Amino acid sequence: MQRFRQVAELVQKRIDSGVIAAGDKLPSLRRLAGETGFSVVTVYRAYELLEAQGVCHSRDRSGFYVASPAKVAQHRMSARMPVMPPDDVRSLDDALARLPFHARASAAMLPAHGLVPEQGLVKGFRRALLQTPGEAGHGLVELAALKAAIVHRAGQRQAFTGQDGVVLTRSAMEAFNLCLDTLCQEGAPVLVESPSFYPVLESLRHRRIKAVEIYTHPTYGVDPEQFEHILKSTGVKRCVLMGVNRVPTGVTYSGDILARLVRAARQHEALIIENDMAGELGHGELNTLSLKAFDDDDTVVQFGGTASYLSSSHEIGWVLAGRHAARLIANRHLAGTHLPHVALQAALADYLKSRQVERDLRHASQALAERMRQGIELLTATSSGRVAVSAPSGGYLCWVRGPRHFDSMKLAMTAGHDTFDFIPGPFFSPAGAFSNFMALNFSAEWTGARREQLQRLVAQVLGVEVGHA
């Protein structure tokens, strides 16, 4: 049994026996760590598990408390429910895996685990947990040190802002959603690139915000003249752009194009919400310039986070909001949004200010460049040049165009688990365009099994047998 589950079981027994009553505060992280001999991190994970099960709940700046008697009784009742045999569970998993093919597509959007080494960050997190008072672990505590580290890293890419203009969130997409809810007017359209980062499109759909598409060239990106024409002719005042290591093409706009886009938005009094989630994942030089680097009056509000290069367990998001920060913070408070644990904020603050992050990102950049090269070579050789492939300058996705008759959505519905995972092209368009396109994630190492999966995918795209692609 995993250690944190052992701790959770111990606490549950104390609750069941009445040693800890409903409404009582659970022992602090350090106290229970001392009692059990396990680490503070293990105890924290145990409390998180119990909270997810409804056994306890956390209170801002206070700690964890046993849930109300009704909820504890409900948990006991659920604990007595029959458990499915392992074979039935596996059958259910297989059935579910065949139905929501979009779940596989969503998984394909994530970079390979361990792309950036995290050993140093994990040690820092453990150290920060030991040093964090129990009452400061939850709620709306924002560490100035983390804001300072974010400002420092932004400054290295010539995006200059003050700490007061930084808004922290639990993830990059939460940061984007906060921007939408705060800065976009109800019923007003938003201009998006096409193809676009599809979680952004999902957020727009969820809010019933109409997306106006602007086509982006797979090599050069957005045409600034077309961008200005759309702003002028439609009156759109909000734009979502991704100028660095674009998803899914991997293109990074030139400095001239970035400057012209910002200038056009300023001239027409439009606001750019810049997606910088992949900004740190170039295949060459680090510290690539973004739209925010050409902004001196908060025409650009940039959101980003650690999800693209660190695991979800160390995820955090932020917005470089400038003068818009006060509105975002007020909206965040109204929504009752919790911030990441203070210990995680402290660990990330130290990590982002250290030289280690530069070394880690350089290692990830080199690994991505090599894996992308190998994947594109294999793709080109396997298809005998019958598919068109983008030439990414960064990120971990490759944009692929198949034959005209190819339908990526149909293939996604029928592809087996022995086929290389892909994201259908229509996912990246509000209008469902790009039916013969797909995005491939090349961030993982190229094992023999992955090579065979990619060859099998190419054969299905071309409608031939494996070995004849």
Protein backbone atom coordinates (compact mmCIF):
# COMPACT_ATOMS: atom_id res chain seq x y z
CA MET A 1 0.00 0.00 0.00
CA GLN A 2 1.26 3.50 -0.84
CA ARG A 3 2.44 5.47 2.16
CA PHE A 4 -0.08 8.29 1.88
CA ARG A 5 -2.90 5.73 1.75
CA GLN A 6 -1.56 4.17 4.96
CA VAL A 7 -1.73 7.58 6.63
CA ALA A 8 -5.23 8.19 5.27
CA GLU A 9 -6.35 4.81 6.60
CA LEU A 10 -4.90 5.63 10.03
CA VAL A 11 -6.80 8.94 10.17
CA GLN A 12 -9.99 7.23 8.96
CA LYS A 13 -9.73 4.66 11.78
CA ARG A 14 -9.38 7.44 14.33
CA ILE A 15 -12.51 9.11 12.95
CA ASP A 16 -14.47 5.83 12.87
CA SER A 17 -13.51 5.01 16.46
CA GLY A 18 -14.51 8.46 17.71
CA VAL A 19 -10.99 9.52 18.71
CA ILE A 20 -11.45 12.42 16.28
CA ALA A 21 -15.02 13.71 16.22
CA ALA A 22 -16.93 15.35 13.39
CA GLY A 23 -15.98 19.02 13.20
CA ASP A 24 -12.63 18.50 14.96
CA LYS A 25 -9.45 19.84 13.44
CA LEU A 26 -7.10 17.13 12.17
CA PRO A 27 -3.50 17.10 13.43
CA SER A 28 -1.16 19.52 11.65
CA LEU A 29 0.99 18.19 8.84
CA ARG A 30 4.17 18.28 10.92
CA ARG A 31 2.56 16.76 13.99
CA LEU A 32 1.14 13.77 12.09
CA ALA A 33 4.40 13.41 10.16
CA GLY A 34 6.21 13.15 13.50
CA GLU A 35 3.72 10.58 14.80
CA THR A 36 3.84 8.34 11.73
CA GLY A 37 7.46 8.78 10.69
CA PHE A 38 6.40 9.71 7.16
CA SER A 39 7.20 12.96 5.39
CA VAL A 40 5.06 16.10 5.49
CA VAL A 41 4.42 15.64 1.75
CA THR A 42 3.00 12.15 2.41
CA VAL A 43 0.69 13.46 5.14
CA TYR A 44 -0.48 16.29 2.88
CA ARG A 45 -1.34 13.82 0.10
CA ALA A 46 -3.25 11.69 2.64
CA TYR A 47 -5.32 14.71 3.69
CA GLU A 48 -5.95 15.55 0.02
CA LEU A 49 -7.23 12.00 -0.52
CA LEU A 50 -9.53 12.21 2.50
CA GLU A 51 -10.80 15.58 1.32
CA ALA A 52 -11.57 14.16 -2.12
CA GLN A 53 -13.52 11.34 -0.42
CA GLY A 54 -15.58 13.83 1.58
CA VAL A 55 -14.13 12.76 4.93
CA CYS A 56 -12.63 16.16 5.71
CA HIS A 57 -12.41 19.65 4.27
CA SER A 58 -9.84 22.43 4.34
CA ARG A 59 -10.38 25.91 5.73
CA ASP A 60 -8.50 28.97 4.58
CA ARG A 61 -5.42 29.63 6.72
CA SER A 62 -6.53 27.08 9.30
CA GLY A 63 -6.02 23.46 8.22
CA PHE A 64 -8.12 20.34 7.71
CA TYR A 65 -11.33 19.55 9.63
CA VAL A 66 -13.47 16.42 9.86
CA ALA A 67 -16.64 16.75 7.78
CA SER A 68 -20.13 17.05 9.24
CA PRO A 69 -21.77 13.90 10.72
CA ALA A 70 -24.04 13.57 7.68
CA LYS A 71 -21.13 13.57 5.27
CA VAL A 72 -19.14 11.14 7.43
CA ALA A 73 -22.15 8.79 7.52
CA GLN A 74 -22.49 9.07 3.77
CA HIS A 75 -18.81 8.18 3.37
CA ARG A 76 -19.21 5.15 5.66
CA MET A 77 -22.20 3.99 3.60
CA SER A 78 -20.22 4.33 0.38
CA ALA A 79 -17.35 2.39 1.93
CA ARG A 80 -19.71 -0.58 2.44
CA MET A 81 -20.82 -0.58 -1.19
CA PRO A 82 -19.69 -3.64 -3.18
CA VAL A 83 -16.48 -3.21 -5.15
CA MET A 84 -16.30 -4.27 -8.80
CA PRO A 85 -14.00 -7.24 -9.49
CA PRO A 86 -10.76 -6.29 -11.33
CA ASP A 87 -11.90 -7.99 -14.55
CA ASP A 88 -15.11 -5.93 -14.61
CA VAL A 89 -13.13 -2.76 -13.98
CA ARG A 90 -10.82 -3.51 -16.89
CA SER A 91 -13.83 -4.25 -19.13
CA LEU A 92 -15.41 -0.94 -18.15
CA ASP A 93 -12.15 0.92 -18.82
CA ASP A 94 -11.90 -0.65 -22.27
CA ALA A 95 -15.50 0.27 -23.09
CA LEU A 96 -15.04 3.87 -21.97
CA ALA A 97 -11.76 4.18 -23.84
CA ARG A 98 -13.50 3.32 -27.11
CA LEU A 99 -16.27 5.90 -26.70
CA PRO A 100 -14.82 9.34 -25.83
CA PHE A 101 -12.06 9.49 -28.42
CA HIS A 102 -11.63 13.14 -27.49
CA ALA A 103 -10.11 11.94 -24.20
CA ARG A 104 -7.21 10.39 -26.13
CA ALA A 105 -6.90 13.60 -28.10
CA SER A 106 -6.75 15.57 -24.87
CA ALA A 107 -4.00 13.32 -23.56
CA ALA A 108 -2.07 13.87 -26.79
CA MET A 109 -2.02 17.60 -25.99
CA LEU A 110 0.22 17.03 -22.97
CA PRO A 111 4.02 16.94 -23.17
CA ALA A 112 5.80 13.72 -22.26
CA HIS A 113 6.29 13.16 -18.55
CA GLY A 114 9.76 14.07 -17.31
CA LEU A 115 10.57 16.37 -20.22
CA VAL A 116 12.11 18.75 -17.70
CA PRO A 117 13.93 17.14 -14.71
CA GLU A 118 12.04 17.90 -11.50
CA GLN A 119 14.21 16.38 -8.78
CA GLY A 120 15.43 19.76 -7.55
CA LEU A 121 11.93 21.22 -7.54
CA VAL A 122 10.55 18.24 -5.60
CA LYS A 123 13.21 18.68 -2.92
CA GLY A 124 12.43 22.38 -2.74
CA PHE A 125 8.72 21.61 -2.36
CA ARG A 126 9.37 19.24 0.53
CA ARG A 127 11.62 21.78 2.21
CA ALA A 128 9.01 24.52 1.75
CA LEU A 129 6.27 22.31 3.22
CA LEU A 130 8.32 21.81 6.38
CA GLN A 131 8.84 25.55 6.69
CA THR A 132 5.24 26.55 5.97
CA PRO A 133 2.97 27.21 8.99
CA GLY A 134 -0.15 25.05 8.88
CA GLU A 135 -2.46 28.05 8.87
CA ALA A 136 -0.77 29.50 5.76
CA GLY A 137 -1.11 26.49 3.52
CA HIS A 138 -4.45 27.26 1.91
CA GLY A 139 -6.66 30.08 0.70
CA LEU A 140 -5.78 33.22 -1.14
CA VAL A 141 -2.19 33.72 -0.06
CA GLU A 142 -0.02 35.09 -2.86
CA LEU A 143 3.73 34.99 -2.35
CA ALA A 144 5.53 38.14 -3.43
CA ALA A 145 8.60 36.00 -4.06
CA LEU A 146 6.79 34.00 -6.75
CA LYS A 147 5.48 37.14 -8.40
CA ALA A 148 9.02 38.54 -8.37
CA ALA A 149 10.34 35.35 -10.00
CA ILE A 150 7.67 35.53 -12.73
CA VAL A 151 8.49 39.20 -13.35
CA HIS A 152 12.19 38.30 -13.55
CA ARG A 153 11.65 35.56 -16.13
CA ALA A 154 9.34 37.76 -18.18
CA GLY A 155 11.99 40.48 -18.13
CA GLN A 156 14.54 38.07 -19.57
CA ARG A 157 12.26 37.89 -22.60
CA GLN A 158 11.93 41.70 -22.63
CA ALA A 159 8.34 41.60 -21.36
CA PHE A 160 8.54 44.15 -18.58
CA THR A 161 5.90 44.44 -15.87
CA GLY A 162 5.67 45.09 -12.14
CA GLN A 163 4.72 42.65 -9.43
CA ASP A 164 1.41 44.45 -8.90
CA GLY A 165 0.47 43.51 -12.46
CA VAL A 166 0.90 39.75 -11.88
CA VAL A 167 -2.17 37.65 -11.04
CA LEU A 168 -1.61 34.07 -9.82
CA THR A 169 -3.88 31.09 -10.53
CA ARG A 170 -3.74 27.32 -10.18
CA SER A 171 -3.19 26.69 -13.90
CA ALA A 172 -2.63 28.47 -17.20
CA MET A 173 -6.12 27.61 -18.46
CA GLU A 174 -7.64 28.92 -15.24
CA ALA A 175 -5.70 32.12 -15.93
CA PHE A 176 -7.17 32.29 -19.44
CA ASN A 177 -10.69 31.67 -18.20
CA LEU A 178 -10.24 34.43 -15.66
CA CYS A 179 -9.22 36.76 -18.50
CA LEU A 180 -12.30 35.79 -20.49
CA ASP A 181 -14.68 36.26 -17.57
CA THR A 182 -13.16 39.62 -16.63
CA LEU A 183 -12.11 41.29 -19.87
CA CYS A 184 -14.60 40.04 -22.48
CA GLN A 185 -18.03 41.58 -22.83
CA GLU A 186 -21.03 39.29 -22.88
CA GLY A 187 -22.10 38.54 -26.43
CA ALA A 188 -19.11 40.27 -28.00
CA PRO A 189 -17.07 38.17 -30.49
CA VAL A 190 -13.42 37.26 -29.99
CA LEU A 191 -10.86 36.97 -32.78
CA VAL A 192 -8.86 33.72 -32.75
CA GLU A 193 -6.19 32.24 -34.98
CA SER A 194 -7.10 29.22 -37.08
CA PRO A 195 -5.88 26.58 -36.43
CA SER A 196 -5.94 27.48 -32.75
CA PHE A 197 -5.12 25.99 -29.34
CA TYR A 198 -8.28 23.94 -28.93
CA PRO A 199 -8.69 24.21 -25.10
CA VAL A 200 -9.05 27.95 -25.77
CA LEU A 201 -11.84 27.20 -28.25
CA GLU A 202 -13.55 24.98 -25.70
CA SER A 203 -13.50 27.80 -23.15
CA LEU A 204 -15.09 30.13 -25.69
CA ARG A 205 -17.77 27.56 -26.58
CA HIS A 206 -18.53 26.97 -22.92
CA ARG A 207 -19.20 30.70 -22.48
CA ARG A 208 -21.10 30.95 -25.78
CA ILE A 209 -18.62 33.48 -27.07
CA LYS A 210 -18.54 33.66 -30.87
CA ALA A 211 -15.07 33.04 -32.29
CA VAL A 212 -14.09 35.00 -35.41
CA GLU A 213 -11.35 33.09 -37.25
CA ILE A 214 -8.27 34.53 -38.88
CA TYR A 215 -6.28 32.08 -40.99
CA THR A 216 -2.63 31.53 -40.04
CA HIS A 217 -0.06 30.29 -42.51
CA PRO A 218 1.70 27.10 -41.28
CA THR A 219 5.08 28.78 -41.85
CA TYR A 220 4.57 32.53 -41.48
CA GLY A 221 1.57 32.76 -39.17
CA VAL A 222 -0.91 35.65 -39.18
CA ASP A 223 -0.80 38.28 -41.90
CA PRO A 224 -0.69 41.61 -40.01
CA GLU A 225 -2.54 43.40 -42.84
CA GLN A 226 -5.38 40.88 -42.70
CA PHE A 227 -5.41 41.19 -38.91
CA GLU A 228 -5.78 44.97 -39.12
CA HIS A 229 -8.45 44.66 -41.81
CA ILE A 230 -10.57 42.37 -39.60
CA LEU A 231 -10.24 44.70 -36.62
CA LYS A 232 -11.25 47.65 -38.78
CA SER A 233 -14.13 46.00 -40.64
CA THR A 234 -15.70 43.97 -37.82
CA GLY A 235 -15.05 46.15 -34.79
CA VAL A 236 -13.78 43.16 -32.78
CA LYS A 237 -12.12 44.38 -29.58
CA ARG A 238 -10.76 41.16 -28.08
CA CYS A 239 -8.20 38.81 -29.70
CA VAL A 240 -6.60 35.57 -28.51
CA LEU A 241 -3.21 35.13 -30.19
CA MET A 242 -0.29 32.76 -29.68
CA GLY A 243 2.83 34.24 -31.23
CA VAL A 244 5.48 31.93 -29.79
CA ASN A 245 5.73 28.17 -30.51
CA ARG A 246 2.13 28.17 -31.75
CA VAL A 247 -0.13 25.20 -31.18
CA PRO A 248 -0.48 23.19 -33.35
CA THR A 249 1.95 24.42 -36.06
CA GLY A 250 4.95 25.17 -33.84
CA VAL A 251 5.53 28.49 -35.64
CA THR A 252 7.03 31.50 -33.88
CA TYR A 253 6.22 34.88 -35.40
CA SER A 254 9.07 37.19 -36.35
CA GLY A 255 9.72 40.28 -34.27
CA ASP A 256 8.42 42.45 -37.09
CA ILE A 257 5.09 40.61 -37.24
CA LEU A 258 4.72 40.66 -33.43
CA ALA A 259 5.32 44.41 -33.36
CA ARG A 260 2.85 45.05 -36.20
CA LEU A 261 0.12 42.98 -34.53
CA VAL A 262 0.47 44.90 -31.27
CA ARG A 263 0.55 48.22 -33.12
CA ALA A 264 -2.64 47.35 -35.04
CA ALA A 265 -4.45 46.30 -31.86
CA ARG A 266 -3.43 49.55 -30.15
CA GLN A 267 -4.55 51.63 -33.11
CA HIS A 268 -8.01 50.04 -33.11
CA GLU A 269 -8.31 49.97 -29.30
CA ALA A 270 -8.40 46.19 -29.19
CA LEU A 271 -7.02 44.02 -26.41
CA ILE A 272 -4.82 41.00 -27.14
CA ILE A 273 -4.99 38.06 -24.74
CA GLU A 274 -1.72 36.28 -25.48
CA ASN A 275 -1.32 32.56 -24.91
CA ASP A 276 2.30 32.05 -23.80
CA MET A 277 1.90 28.50 -22.46
CA ALA A 278 4.58 27.12 -24.81
CA GLY A 279 6.76 30.22 -24.75
CA GLU A 280 9.62 28.49 -22.92
CA LEU A 281 9.78 25.49 -25.29
CA GLY A 282 11.72 26.72 -28.30
CA HIS A 283 14.05 24.38 -30.17
CA GLY A 284 16.88 26.87 -30.37
CA GLU A 285 17.64 30.00 -28.39
CA LEU A 286 15.89 30.46 -25.06
CA ASN A 287 14.05 33.66 -24.08
CA THR A 288 12.14 34.07 -27.35
CA LEU A 289 10.32 37.40 -27.66
CA SER A 290 6.54 37.39 -27.39
CA LEU A 291 3.78 39.89 -28.18
CA LYS A 292 4.11 41.23 -24.63
CA ALA A 293 7.69 42.30 -25.40
CA PHE A 294 6.31 44.89 -27.86
CA ASP A 295 3.66 46.22 -25.48
CA ASP A 296 4.16 49.35 -23.38
CA ASP A 297 0.57 50.30 -22.54
CA ASP A 298 -1.10 46.99 -21.57
CA THR A 299 -2.57 46.38 -25.02
CA VAL A 300 -1.41 42.79 -24.39
CA VAL A 301 -2.51 40.70 -21.42
CA GLN A 302 -0.39 37.55 -21.36
CA PHE A 303 -1.25 34.30 -19.61
CA GLY A 304 1.04 31.34 -19.07
CA GLY A 305 2.04 28.66 -16.60
CA THR A 306 4.25 25.70 -15.85
CA ALA A 307 2.00 22.99 -17.35
CA SER A 308 3.90 22.83 -20.64
CA TYR A 309 7.21 21.90 -19.04
CA LEU A 310 6.48 20.65 -15.49
CA SER A 311 4.16 17.89 -14.31
CA SER A 312 0.60 18.67 -13.25
CA SER A 313 1.58 18.15 -9.60
CA HIS A 314 3.68 21.32 -9.84
CA GLU A 315 1.33 23.30 -12.04
CA ILE A 316 0.66 26.97 -11.51
CA GLY A 317 -0.63 29.72 -13.78
CA TRP A 318 -0.38 33.49 -14.00
CA VAL A 319 -1.47 36.55 -15.93
CA LEU A 320 0.76 39.50 -16.77
CA ALA A 321 -2.19 41.85 -16.57
CA GLY A 322 -0.68 45.28 -15.89
CA ARG A 323 -3.39 47.85 -15.20
CA HIS A 324 -6.07 45.17 -15.65
CA ALA A 325 -4.78 43.21 -12.62
CA ALA A 326 -7.13 44.76 -10.05
CA ARG A 327 -10.21 43.68 -12.05
CA LEU A 328 -8.89 40.14 -12.46
CA ILE A 329 -8.07 39.82 -8.76
CA ALA A 330 -11.52 41.13 -7.79
CA ASN A 331 -13.16 38.59 -10.10
CA ARG A 332 -10.97 35.81 -8.73
CA HIS A 333 -12.09 36.67 -5.18
CA LEU A 334 -15.75 36.79 -6.20
CA ALA A 335 -15.42 33.31 -7.72
CA GLY A 336 -13.97 31.96 -4.46
CA THR A 337 -10.97 30.57 -6.30
CA HIS A 338 -8.22 29.02 -4.22
CA LEU A 339 -4.59 29.54 -5.06
CA PRO A 340 -1.83 26.90 -5.13
CA HIS A 341 -0.43 25.79 -1.80
CA VAL A 342 1.97 28.36 -0.38
CA ALA A 343 4.71 25.72 -0.19
CA LEU A 344 4.38 25.07 -3.92
CA GLN A 345 4.51 28.80 -4.58
CA ALA A 346 7.68 29.08 -2.48
CA ALA A 347 9.34 26.13 -4.21
CA LEU A 348 8.51 27.49 -7.67
CA ALA A 349 9.72 30.95 -6.67
CA ASP A 350 13.14 29.54 -5.79
CA TYR A 351 13.20 27.33 -8.88
CA LEU A 352 12.24 30.05 -11.37
CA LYS A 353 14.90 32.39 -9.97
CA SER A 354 17.63 29.75 -10.03
CA ARG A 355 20.11 28.89 -12.75
CA GLN A 356 18.74 25.36 -12.66
CA VAL A 357 15.60 26.35 -14.58
CA GLU A 358 17.76 27.63 -17.46
CA ARG A 359 19.72 24.38 -17.54
CA ASP A 360 16.55 22.30 -17.38
CA LEU A 361 14.82 24.26 -20.14
CA ARG A 362 17.90 24.10 -22.35
CA HIS A 363 17.95 20.32 -21.85
CA ALA A 364 14.24 20.13 -22.73
CA SER A 365 14.75 22.35 -25.77
CA GLN A 366 17.50 20.13 -27.14
CA ALA A 367 15.52 16.97 -26.44
CA LEU A 368 12.42 18.36 -28.16
CA ALA A 369 14.39 19.48 -31.21
CA GLU A 370 15.94 16.02 -31.62
CA ARG A 371 12.69 14.12 -31.04
CA MET A 372 10.85 16.39 -33.44
CA ARG A 373 13.55 15.84 -36.07
CA GLN A 374 13.35 12.06 -35.68
CA GLY A 375 9.55 12.08 -35.81
CA ILE A 376 9.36 14.22 -38.94
CA GLU A 377 12.01 12.10 -40.69
CA LEU A 378 10.10 8.91 -39.85
CA LEU A 379 6.81 10.47 -40.92
CA THR A 380 8.25 11.65 -44.23
CA ALA A 381 9.98 8.35 -44.97
CA THR A 382 6.98 6.22 -44.03
CA SER A 383 4.58 8.26 -46.16
CA SER A 384 7.05 8.64 -49.06
CA GLY A 385 6.34 12.36 -48.94
CA ARG A 386 2.58 11.93 -49.43
CA VAL A 387 1.73 13.99 -46.34
CA ALA A 388 2.73 17.62 -45.71
CA VAL A 389 4.43 18.34 -42.42
CA SER A 390 4.99 21.65 -40.61
CA ALA A 391 8.49 22.65 -39.55
CA PRO A 392 8.06 23.62 -35.88
CA SER A 393 10.47 26.10 -34.33
CA GLY A 394 9.29 25.11 -30.87
CA GLY A 395 6.77 23.18 -28.83
CA TYR A 396 6.04 19.48 -29.08
CA LEU A 397 3.27 19.24 -31.69
CA CYS A 398 3.62 18.67 -35.42
CA TRP A 399 0.85 19.79 -37.82
CA VAL A 400 0.25 17.22 -40.58
CA ARG A 401 -1.90 17.44 -43.72
CA GLY A 402 -3.08 14.15 -45.19
CA PRO A 403 -4.57 13.43 -48.64
CA ARG A 404 -7.77 15.28 -49.60
CA HIS A 405 -9.92 12.20 -49.04
CA PHE A 406 -8.55 11.65 -45.52
CA ASP A 407 -10.98 12.34 -42.64
CA SER A 408 -9.17 12.65 -39.32
CA MET A 409 -12.38 12.63 -37.25
CA LYS A 410 -13.52 9.33 -38.77
CA LEU A 411 -10.14 7.78 -38.12
CA ALA A 412 -10.19 9.04 -34.52
CA MET A 413 -13.47 7.18 -33.99
CA THR A 414 -12.13 3.86 -35.24
CA ALA A 415 -8.38 3.91 -34.45
CA GLY A 416 -7.19 1.22 -32.07
CA HIS A 417 -4.90 1.60 -29.10
CA ASP A 418 -2.02 0.27 -31.18
CA THR A 419 -2.18 3.40 -33.36
CA PHE A 420 -0.15 6.52 -32.63
CA ASP A 421 -2.33 9.00 -30.69
CA PHE A 422 -3.29 12.12 -32.63
CA ILE A 423 -5.59 15.13 -32.40
CA PRO A 424 -8.03 15.54 -35.32
CA GLY A 425 -7.71 18.80 -37.26
CA PRO A 426 -11.32 19.99 -36.70
CA PHE A 427 -10.56 20.25 -32.97
CA PHE A 428 -8.46 23.34 -33.80
CA SER A 429 -11.14 25.27 -35.68
CA PRO A 430 -14.38 26.89 -34.43
CA ALA A 431 -15.94 25.99 -37.78
CA GLY A 432 -14.67 22.40 -37.72
CA ALA A 433 -12.29 22.95 -40.65
CA PHE A 434 -9.02 21.05 -41.34
CA SER A 435 -10.77 17.68 -41.72
CA ASN A 436 -7.72 16.16 -43.46
CA PHE A 437 -5.28 17.55 -40.87
CA MET A 438 -4.08 16.19 -37.55
CA ALA A 439 -1.62 17.15 -34.81
CA LEU A 440 0.99 14.70 -33.54
CA ASN A 441 2.83 14.90 -30.24
CA PHE A 442 6.53 14.10 -30.68
CA SER A 443 7.71 14.98 -27.15
CA ALA A 444 8.34 11.40 -25.96
CA GLU A 445 11.41 9.29 -26.73
CA TRP A 446 11.26 7.25 -29.93
CA THR A 447 11.03 3.64 -28.84
CA GLY A 448 10.50 0.78 -31.25
CA ALA A 449 6.86 0.54 -30.18
CA ARG A 450 6.20 4.23 -30.85
CA ARG A 451 7.81 3.97 -34.28
CA GLU A 452 5.54 1.06 -35.16
CA GLN A 453 2.50 2.99 -33.92
CA LEU A 454 3.38 5.97 -36.11
CA GLN A 455 3.90 3.73 -39.14
CA ARG A 456 0.51 2.15 -38.49
CA LEU A 457 -1.10 5.59 -38.30
CA VAL A 458 0.47 6.69 -41.59
CA ALA A 459 -0.79 3.53 -43.27
CA GLN A 460 -4.32 4.27 -42.08
CA VAL A 461 -4.08 7.89 -43.25
CA LEU A 462 -2.97 6.77 -46.71
CA GLY A 463 -5.40 3.85 -46.82
CA VAL A 464 -2.74 1.20 -47.37
CA GLU A 465 -1.50 -1.84 -45.51
CA VAL A 466 1.26 -1.49 -42.93
CA GLY A 467 4.59 -2.00 -44.64
CA HIS A 468 3.36 -0.51 -47.92
CA ALA A 469 2.92 3.08 -46.71
